Amino acid sequence: MVPRALHPAGIALVDKPAGPSSFKLVAELRRRTGARTGHAGTLDPFATGLLLLLSGWATKLAPCFVGLDKRYLTDVDLTARTSTGDPDGELVERLAPPGRQELERRLERLRGDIELPIPIASAVKIGGERAYRLARRGVEVDMPVRRSRVDALDVIAYSDESVTLDLRVSSGTYVRAIAEALGGHCRTLRRTEIGPFSVDEASTVAEAALMGPGDALQRLPAEALASAPKGLLARARLA
């Protein structure tokens, strides 16, 4: 296999559409540049919004970006649960939606430091195999819980059957798990921010320009920069 080029190096801010996988967009950028390409966190196929794609030797800077806090907008259907916690799953249960007061009580329990089961339709490995592959075969597993932090969980719109939420969460938080804890599933999901980067800065993968590694790193907090492999910060600042 021919090794991928280390140049051009940089970070692309991509606005992912609903439908394709994140890995399809990684492959599309790789075809454009001919360089080694990676990501700093994926989105499910049904989801939209901000992806950070890394090109060339900047892929080695991924540890600086993967742990950044995230912001999402989601529409939660409060009338049904699905097997995946999103619209791609099978209907599991029809439910009477909670009233506004009950919804607020459930939301309050989901703010701050929380622990929720990881969704079965996730890439977490269970016994050495991806959970979503086990789910496709109908294998029942007890999913582990994950501790995360919800800094903001605000109601943007509410009806008897659905609620639109604006969330600010720590890296690794499953919004689908929050929707399931509310008694429903994510109907839509859009990532609007990753750390200091906004989807308003992003474009399609076909149009995305590469931000210089140094320009991207100077926007990060000190704790994120501490994750950089030794020697790469100096190289990035000179690039």
Protein backbone atom coordinates (compact mmCIF):
# COMPACT_ATOMS: atom_id res chain seq x y z
CA MET A 1 0.00 0.00 0.00
CA VAL A 2 1.37 3.43 -0.96
CA PRO A 3 1.74 5.64 2.16
CA ARG A 4 -0.48 8.70 2.19
CA ALA A 5 1.19 12.08 1.79
CA LEU A 6 1.94 14.25 4.82
CA HIS A 7 0.99 17.38 2.84
CA PRO A 8 -1.16 19.38 2.52
CA ALA A 9 -1.50 19.61 6.30
CA GLY A 10 -4.37 21.35 8.04
CA ILE A 11 -7.82 21.15 9.56
CA ALA A 12 -11.03 21.29 7.51
CA LEU A 13 -14.31 22.45 9.05
CA VAL A 14 -17.03 20.48 7.26
CA ASP A 15 -20.81 20.80 7.56
CA LYS A 16 -21.97 17.20 7.25
CA PRO A 17 -25.36 16.61 5.57
CA ALA A 18 -27.79 13.91 6.67
CA GLY A 19 -27.25 10.55 4.97
CA PRO A 20 -23.57 9.84 4.34
CA SER A 21 -21.34 8.46 7.06
CA SER A 22 -18.56 10.60 8.50
CA PHE A 23 -16.05 8.15 7.03
CA LYS A 24 -17.41 8.81 3.53
CA LEU A 25 -16.56 12.49 3.98
CA VAL A 26 -13.09 11.58 5.27
CA ALA A 27 -12.57 9.52 2.11
CA GLU A 28 -13.85 12.37 -0.08
CA LEU A 29 -11.36 14.83 1.41
CA ARG A 30 -8.59 12.25 1.03
CA ARG A 31 -9.39 11.91 -2.68
CA ARG A 32 -9.23 15.69 -3.04
CA THR A 33 -5.87 16.14 -1.34
CA GLY A 34 -4.14 12.78 -1.80
CA ALA A 35 -2.98 13.16 1.79
CA ARG A 36 -3.42 11.10 4.93
CA THR A 37 -6.81 12.10 6.39
CA GLY A 38 -8.51 11.57 9.73
CA HIS A 39 -11.20 13.01 11.97
CA ALA A 40 -11.64 14.39 15.49
CA GLY A 41 -14.98 12.70 16.17
CA THR A 42 -17.72 11.33 13.96
CA LEU A 43 -21.47 11.91 13.57
CA ASP A 44 -24.12 9.26 12.93
CA PRO A 45 -25.39 9.08 9.33
CA PHE A 46 -28.75 10.69 10.23
CA ALA A 47 -27.03 13.60 12.01
CA THR A 48 -25.77 16.84 10.48
CA GLY A 49 -23.34 19.54 11.44
CA LEU A 50 -19.74 20.19 12.27
CA LEU A 51 -16.96 17.70 11.59
CA LEU A 52 -13.29 18.45 12.10
CA LEU A 53 -11.24 16.63 9.47
CA LEU A 54 -7.45 16.56 9.71
CA SER A 55 -5.15 16.33 6.70
CA GLY A 56 -1.53 15.29 6.23
CA TRP A 57 0.77 15.31 9.24
CA ALA A 58 -1.88 17.33 11.12
CA THR A 59 -3.68 14.02 11.73
CA LYS A 60 -1.15 13.54 14.54
CA LEU A 61 -2.75 16.54 16.27
CA ALA A 62 -6.06 14.69 16.70
CA PRO A 63 -5.58 14.29 20.51
CA CYS A 64 -5.82 18.10 20.81
CA PHE A 65 -9.30 18.14 19.26
CA VAL A 66 -11.10 14.94 20.21
CA GLY A 67 -11.65 15.94 23.84
CA LEU A 68 -13.21 19.35 23.15
CA ASP A 69 -16.69 20.10 24.46
CA LYS A 70 -19.56 19.93 21.97
CA ARG A 71 -22.82 21.78 21.32
CA TYR A 72 -25.87 20.22 19.67
CA LEU A 73 -29.42 20.97 18.62
CA THR A 74 -31.82 18.03 18.67
CA ASP A 75 -35.52 17.42 18.12
CA VAL A 76 -36.69 14.68 20.47
CA ASP A 77 -39.83 12.71 19.66
CA LEU A 78 -41.43 12.09 23.06
CA THR A 79 -44.00 9.58 21.82
CA ALA A 80 -41.82 6.60 20.90
CA ARG A 81 -38.62 4.74 21.63
CA THR A 82 -36.58 3.15 18.86
CA SER A 83 -33.97 0.41 18.94
CA THR A 84 -31.17 2.87 18.19
CA GLY A 85 -32.43 6.05 19.87
CA ASP A 86 -32.72 7.73 16.46
CA PRO A 87 -34.98 7.60 13.37
CA ASP A 88 -32.94 4.83 11.74
CA GLY A 89 -33.96 2.25 14.33
CA GLU A 90 -37.03 0.06 14.65
CA LEU A 91 -40.00 1.17 16.73
CA VAL A 92 -39.73 -0.43 20.16
CA GLU A 93 -42.47 1.21 22.17
CA ARG A 94 -45.21 3.79 21.84
CA LEU A 95 -45.53 6.09 24.84
CA ALA A 96 -47.75 8.81 26.20
CA PRO A 97 -45.56 11.92 26.13
CA PRO A 98 -44.78 13.59 29.46
CA GLY A 99 -46.45 16.85 30.37
CA ARG A 100 -44.35 20.00 30.61
CA GLN A 101 -43.79 19.72 34.36
CA GLU A 102 -42.75 16.08 34.12
CA LEU A 103 -40.47 16.91 31.19
CA GLU A 104 -38.77 19.63 33.25
CA ARG A 105 -38.21 17.15 36.09
CA ARG A 106 -36.58 14.71 33.68
CA LEU A 107 -34.43 17.44 32.17
CA GLU A 108 -33.23 18.57 35.58
CA ARG A 109 -31.93 15.07 36.34
CA LEU A 110 -29.88 15.23 33.12
CA ARG A 111 -27.95 18.40 33.91
CA GLY A 112 -24.49 18.41 35.45
CA ASP A 113 -22.49 15.20 35.90
CA ILE A 114 -24.56 12.24 34.72
CA GLU A 115 -24.23 8.52 34.02
CA LEU A 116 -26.25 6.95 31.21
CA PRO A 117 -26.03 3.63 29.34
CA ILE A 118 -24.17 3.83 26.05
CA PRO A 119 -26.62 3.27 23.16
CA ILE A 120 -26.55 -0.22 21.67
CA ALA A 121 -26.13 1.29 18.20
CA SER A 122 -22.68 2.66 19.01
CA ALA A 123 -19.11 1.82 18.03
CA VAL A 124 -18.10 0.90 21.58
CA LYS A 125 -16.50 -2.55 21.74
CA ILE A 126 -18.21 -5.24 23.82
CA GLY A 127 -16.10 -8.36 24.19
CA GLY A 128 -13.90 -7.21 21.32
CA GLU A 129 -16.77 -6.52 18.89
CA ARG A 130 -18.56 -3.30 17.98
CA ALA A 131 -21.87 -2.94 19.82
CA TYR A 132 -23.79 -1.99 16.67
CA ARG A 133 -22.69 -5.22 14.98
CA LEU A 134 -23.98 -7.24 17.91
CA ALA A 135 -27.26 -5.32 17.73
CA ARG A 136 -27.65 -6.09 14.02
CA ARG A 137 -27.38 -9.81 14.82
CA GLY A 138 -29.95 -9.52 17.59
CA VAL A 139 -27.46 -10.25 20.36
CA GLU A 140 -28.66 -8.87 23.69
CA VAL A 141 -25.94 -7.18 25.73
CA ASP A 142 -25.82 -5.13 28.90
CA MET A 143 -24.37 -1.83 27.76
CA PRO A 144 -21.93 -0.10 30.10
CA VAL A 145 -22.74 3.32 31.46
CA ARG A 146 -20.67 6.36 30.59
CA ARG A 147 -20.09 9.33 32.84
CA SER A 148 -20.33 12.70 31.11
CA ARG A 149 -21.09 16.33 31.85
CA VAL A 150 -24.05 18.37 30.62
CA ASP A 151 -23.28 22.06 31.07
CA ALA A 152 -26.48 23.30 29.42
CA LEU A 153 -29.73 21.61 28.44
CA ASP A 154 -32.16 24.29 27.28
CA VAL A 155 -35.64 23.97 25.79
CA ILE A 156 -35.86 25.88 22.50
CA ALA A 157 -39.34 24.73 21.49
CA TYR A 158 -41.95 22.39 22.99
CA SER A 159 -45.14 20.72 21.86
CA ASP A 160 -47.20 17.90 23.34
CA GLU A 161 -45.24 15.35 21.30
CA SER A 162 -41.72 16.74 20.88
CA VAL A 163 -39.11 19.07 22.34
CA THR A 164 -36.20 20.91 20.72
CA LEU A 165 -33.12 21.10 22.91
CA ASP A 166 -29.88 23.09 22.82
CA LEU A 167 -27.14 21.12 24.61
CA ARG A 168 -23.58 21.92 25.68
CA VAL A 169 -21.88 18.71 26.72
CA SER A 170 -18.50 17.13 27.38
CA SER A 171 -16.83 15.04 24.73
CA GLY A 172 -18.17 11.49 24.56
CA THR A 173 -21.73 12.38 25.56
CA TYR A 174 -24.37 10.45 23.60
CA VAL A 175 -27.29 12.77 22.84
CA ARG A 176 -29.31 9.69 21.87
CA ALA A 177 -28.90 8.43 25.44
CA ILE A 178 -30.27 11.73 26.74
CA ALA A 179 -33.25 11.43 24.39
CA GLU A 180 -33.90 7.90 25.65
CA ALA A 181 -33.72 9.09 29.25
CA LEU A 182 -36.45 11.59 28.39
CA GLY A 183 -38.61 8.74 27.12
CA GLY A 184 -38.17 9.21 23.38
CA HIS A 185 -35.65 9.28 20.54
CA CYS A 186 -33.70 11.83 18.51
CA ARG A 187 -35.65 12.78 15.42
CA THR A 188 -32.91 15.14 14.26
CA LEU A 189 -29.44 15.95 15.57
CA ARG A 190 -27.14 18.78 14.53
CA ARG A 191 -23.70 19.53 15.98
CA THR A 192 -23.20 23.28 16.00
CA GLU A 193 -19.90 23.66 17.88
CA ILE A 194 -16.73 21.75 18.73
CA GLY A 195 -14.76 23.72 21.30
CA PRO A 196 -14.05 27.15 19.74
CA PHE A 197 -15.10 26.04 16.23
CA SER A 198 -18.60 26.74 14.88
CA VAL A 199 -20.60 25.16 12.08
CA ASP A 200 -21.10 28.72 10.80
CA GLU A 201 -17.44 28.57 9.68
CA ALA A 202 -17.90 25.24 7.89
CA SER A 203 -18.66 24.32 4.30
CA THR A 204 -19.26 21.21 2.27
CA VAL A 205 -16.38 18.77 2.03
CA ALA A 206 -16.05 19.62 -1.67
CA GLU A 207 -15.55 23.31 -0.85
CA ALA A 208 -13.73 23.07 2.48
CA ALA A 209 -10.39 24.88 2.75
CA LEU A 210 -7.67 23.71 5.11
CA MET A 211 -7.02 25.89 8.14
CA GLY A 212 -3.33 25.99 9.01
CA PRO A 213 -2.41 23.80 11.99
CA GLY A 214 -0.98 26.79 13.87
CA ASP A 215 -4.10 28.89 13.27
CA ALA A 216 -6.30 26.07 14.60
CA LEU A 217 -4.15 25.36 17.65
CA GLN A 218 -3.97 28.98 18.78
CA ARG A 219 -7.75 28.87 19.32
CA LEU A 220 -7.55 25.92 21.72
CA PRO A 221 -7.41 26.06 25.53
CA ALA A 222 -4.19 25.12 27.29
CA GLU A 223 -5.54 21.78 28.49
CA ALA A 224 -6.22 20.72 24.90
CA LEU A 225 -2.75 21.76 23.76
CA ALA A 226 -1.27 19.62 26.53
CA SER A 227 -2.49 16.55 24.60
CA ALA A 228 -0.28 17.30 21.58
CA PRO A 229 2.42 14.74 20.81
CA LYS A 230 5.86 15.95 21.83
CA GLY A 231 7.45 18.31 19.33
CA LEU A 232 4.37 18.84 17.16
CA LEU A 233 3.27 22.16 18.68
CA ALA A 234 6.45 23.86 17.53
CA ARG A 235 6.10 22.34 14.08
CA ALA A 236 2.46 23.44 13.83
CA ARG A 237 3.25 27.00 14.84
CA LEU A 238 5.86 27.24 12.11
CA ALA A 239 3.60 25.75 9.42
